[in-house]
Amino acid sequence: MSKYESLWKYIKENKKESYKLSYEEVKNILGFNIDHSFLTYKKELKEYGYEVSKISMKEKTIIFKKIK
C-alpha cells in the first residue's frame, strides 16, 4: 500500500473533473507533509483515473485532473 493511497482515494471518491489542493489540504488528507517522493508516487494516481497536472511551488498547490 502506497503512503499516498488515502489522497488517491480521496480524489477518486469525490469524482470531480479536477482538483486544486493546497499543500496544507493535502497534509490534512494524508496526515503528513508531501516530500520529494511525491514526484515518484504521483504515477500511481493513473490507476485511479487521475493525473497530476501541475505542481506550483510558488502557490504551494497541486492540480489533479481526471484522465479522459
N, C-alpha and C. Protein backbone atom coordinates (compact mmCIF):
# COMPACT_ATOMS: atom_id res chain seq x y z
N MET A 1 0.84 -1.18 0.00
CA MET A 1 0.00 0.00 0.00
C MET A 1 0.88 1.25 0.00
N SER A 2 0.56 2.17 -0.87
CA SER A 2 1.31 3.41 -1.01
C SER A 2 1.03 4.36 0.16
N LYS A 3 2.02 5.12 0.53
CA LYS A 3 1.80 6.10 1.59
C LYS A 3 0.87 7.22 1.15
N TYR A 4 0.63 7.34 -0.15
CA TYR A 4 -0.26 8.37 -0.68
C TYR A 4 -1.65 7.83 -1.03
N GLU A 5 -1.92 6.59 -0.70
CA GLU A 5 -3.19 5.97 -1.10
C GLU A 5 -4.42 6.71 -0.57
N SER A 6 -4.35 7.25 0.63
CA SER A 6 -5.52 7.98 1.16
C SER A 6 -5.82 9.22 0.32
N LEU A 7 -4.80 9.86 -0.24
CA LEU A 7 -5.00 11.01 -1.12
C LEU A 7 -5.61 10.55 -2.44
N TRP A 8 -5.10 9.47 -3.01
CA TRP A 8 -5.63 8.94 -4.27
C TRP A 8 -7.10 8.56 -4.11
N LYS A 9 -7.44 7.91 -3.01
CA LYS A 9 -8.83 7.52 -2.76
C LYS A 9 -9.73 8.75 -2.59
N TYR A 10 -9.24 9.75 -1.89
CA TYR A 10 -9.99 11.00 -1.70
C TYR A 10 -10.34 11.60 -3.05
N ILE A 11 -9.36 11.68 -3.93
CA ILE A 11 -9.57 12.27 -5.25
C ILE A 11 -10.56 11.44 -6.06
N LYS A 12 -10.39 10.14 -6.06
CA LYS A 12 -11.27 9.26 -6.84
C LYS A 12 -12.70 9.28 -6.31
N GLU A 13 -12.88 9.22 -5.01
CA GLU A 13 -14.21 9.13 -4.41
C GLU A 13 -15.03 10.41 -4.57
N ASN A 14 -14.37 11.55 -4.71
CA ASN A 14 -15.10 12.81 -4.86
C ASN A 14 -15.50 13.10 -6.30
N LYS A 15 -14.95 12.38 -7.24
CA LYS A 15 -15.37 12.35 -8.65
C LYS A 15 -15.47 13.71 -9.34
N LYS A 16 -14.61 14.64 -9.00
CA LYS A 16 -14.58 15.91 -9.70
C LYS A 16 -13.71 15.77 -10.95
N GLU A 17 -13.92 16.66 -11.91
CA GLU A 17 -13.10 16.65 -13.12
C GLU A 17 -11.66 17.09 -12.82
N SER A 18 -11.55 18.05 -11.89
CA SER A 18 -10.21 18.49 -11.50
C SER A 18 -10.25 19.01 -10.06
N TYR A 19 -9.09 19.03 -9.45
CA TYR A 19 -8.92 19.50 -8.08
C TYR A 19 -7.73 20.43 -8.05
N LYS A 20 -7.83 21.46 -7.24
CA LYS A 20 -6.68 22.29 -6.92
C LYS A 20 -6.59 22.28 -5.40
N LEU A 21 -5.62 21.56 -4.91
CA LEU A 21 -5.45 21.42 -3.47
C LEU A 21 -4.17 22.10 -3.03
N SER A 22 -4.25 22.79 -1.91
CA SER A 22 -3.05 23.40 -1.34
C SER A 22 -2.23 22.31 -0.65
N TYR A 23 -0.97 22.60 -0.42
CA TYR A 23 -0.13 21.65 0.31
C TYR A 23 -0.75 21.35 1.68
N GLU A 24 -1.35 22.38 2.29
CA GLU A 24 -1.96 22.21 3.62
C GLU A 24 -3.16 21.26 3.54
N GLU A 25 -3.99 21.39 2.51
CA GLU A 25 -5.13 20.48 2.34
C GLU A 25 -4.65 19.04 2.13
N VAL A 26 -3.60 18.89 1.34
CA VAL A 26 -3.03 17.56 1.11
C VAL A 26 -2.51 16.99 2.43
N LYS A 27 -1.86 17.84 3.22
CA LYS A 27 -1.36 17.41 4.54
C LYS A 27 -2.51 16.95 5.43
N ASN A 28 -3.62 17.66 5.40
CA ASN A 28 -4.78 17.28 6.21
C ASN A 28 -5.36 15.94 5.79
N ILE A 29 -5.33 15.64 4.50
CA ILE A 29 -5.85 14.37 3.99
C ILE A 29 -4.90 13.22 4.36
N LEU A 30 -3.60 13.47 4.18
CA LEU A 30 -2.61 12.42 4.39
C LEU A 30 -2.18 12.25 5.85
N GLY A 31 -2.16 13.35 6.57
CA GLY A 31 -1.65 13.31 7.94
C GLY A 31 -0.15 13.61 8.00
N PHE A 32 0.45 13.97 6.88
CA PHE A 32 1.86 14.34 6.83
C PHE A 32 2.10 15.24 5.62
N ASN A 33 3.21 15.97 5.66
CA ASN A 33 3.58 16.83 4.54
C ASN A 33 4.08 16.00 3.37
N ILE A 34 3.77 16.45 2.15
CA ILE A 34 4.34 15.77 1.00
C ILE A 34 5.83 16.10 0.95
N ASP A 35 6.58 15.21 0.35
CA ASP A 35 8.01 15.43 0.21
C ASP A 35 8.41 15.12 -1.23
N HIS A 36 9.69 15.06 -1.48
CA HIS A 36 10.19 14.82 -2.83
C HIS A 36 9.72 13.48 -3.41
N SER A 37 9.43 12.51 -2.55
CA SER A 37 8.98 11.20 -3.04
C SER A 37 7.64 11.29 -3.76
N PHE A 38 6.90 12.38 -3.54
CA PHE A 38 5.62 12.57 -4.22
C PHE A 38 5.80 12.51 -5.73
N LEU A 39 6.93 13.00 -6.22
CA LEU A 39 7.19 13.01 -7.66
C LEU A 39 7.25 11.59 -8.23
N THR A 40 7.69 10.64 -7.43
CA THR A 40 7.72 9.24 -7.85
C THR A 40 6.34 8.61 -7.69
N TYR A 41 5.73 8.82 -6.55
CA TYR A 41 4.45 8.18 -6.24
C TYR A 41 3.28 8.71 -7.07
N LYS A 42 3.39 9.93 -7.60
CA LYS A 42 2.27 10.51 -8.35
C LYS A 42 1.86 9.64 -9.55
N LYS A 43 2.75 8.80 -10.03
CA LYS A 43 2.45 7.89 -11.14
C LYS A 43 1.34 6.91 -10.79
N GLU A 44 1.22 6.59 -9.51
CA GLU A 44 0.18 5.65 -9.05
C GLU A 44 -1.23 6.20 -9.27
N LEU A 45 -1.35 7.49 -9.32
CA LEU A 45 -2.66 8.13 -9.43
C LEU A 45 -3.39 7.73 -10.71
N LYS A 46 -2.66 7.38 -11.75
CA LYS A 46 -3.28 6.98 -13.03
C LYS A 46 -4.15 5.74 -12.84
N GLU A 47 -3.81 4.88 -11.89
CA GLU A 47 -4.62 3.70 -11.59
C GLU A 47 -6.00 4.09 -11.06
N TYR A 48 -6.13 5.31 -10.57
CA TYR A 48 -7.38 5.81 -10.01
C TYR A 48 -8.13 6.72 -10.99
N GLY A 49 -7.58 6.85 -12.21
CA GLY A 49 -8.25 7.64 -13.24
C GLY A 49 -7.91 9.11 -13.26
N TYR A 50 -6.86 9.50 -12.56
CA TYR A 50 -6.45 10.91 -12.49
C TYR A 50 -4.95 11.03 -12.73
N GLU A 51 -4.52 12.27 -12.94
CA GLU A 51 -3.11 12.55 -13.07
C GLU A 51 -2.80 13.90 -12.43
N VAL A 52 -1.53 14.10 -12.10
CA VAL A 52 -1.10 15.39 -11.58
C VAL A 52 -0.85 16.28 -12.78
N SER A 53 -1.59 17.36 -12.85
CA SER A 53 -1.48 18.28 -13.97
C SER A 53 -0.40 19.33 -13.75
N LYS A 54 -0.34 19.87 -12.53
CA LYS A 54 0.63 20.92 -12.24
C LYS A 54 0.94 20.97 -10.75
N ILE A 55 2.20 21.17 -10.46
CA ILE A 55 2.64 21.40 -9.08
C ILE A 55 3.23 22.80 -9.05
N SER A 56 2.65 23.68 -8.24
CA SER A 56 3.15 25.05 -8.13
C SER A 56 3.86 25.23 -6.79
N MET A 57 5.17 25.37 -6.88
CA MET A 57 5.95 25.61 -5.66
C MET A 57 5.67 27.02 -5.13
N LYS A 58 5.42 27.95 -6.02
CA LYS A 58 5.18 29.35 -5.63
C LYS A 58 3.85 29.46 -4.88
N GLU A 59 2.77 28.88 -5.46
CA GLU A 59 1.45 28.96 -4.84
C GLU A 59 1.23 27.88 -3.78
N LYS A 60 2.13 26.90 -3.75
CA LYS A 60 2.01 25.75 -2.86
C LYS A 60 0.70 25.01 -3.08
N THR A 61 0.45 24.69 -4.37
CA THR A 61 -0.76 23.97 -4.75
C THR A 61 -0.41 22.86 -5.74
N ILE A 62 -1.34 21.90 -5.82
CA ILE A 62 -1.23 20.80 -6.79
C ILE A 62 -2.56 20.71 -7.50
N ILE A 63 -2.51 20.62 -8.83
CA ILE A 63 -3.72 20.46 -9.62
C ILE A 63 -3.77 19.01 -10.13
N PHE A 64 -4.88 18.36 -9.85
CA PHE A 64 -5.13 16.99 -10.28
C PHE A 64 -6.25 17.02 -11.32
N LYS A 65 -6.13 16.26 -12.41
CA LYS A 65 -7.15 16.23 -13.44
C LYS A 65 -7.54 14.80 -13.76
N LYS A 66 -8.83 14.63 -14.06
CA LYS A 66 -9.35 13.33 -14.46
C LYS A 66 -8.82 12.99 -15.85
N ILE A 67 -8.39 11.77 -16.04
CA ILE A 67 -7.90 11.32 -17.34
C ILE A 67 -9.12 10.99 -18.21
N LYS A 68 -9.12 11.53 -19.42
CA LYS A 68 -10.27 11.32 -20.30
C LYS A 68 -10.00 10.22 -21.29
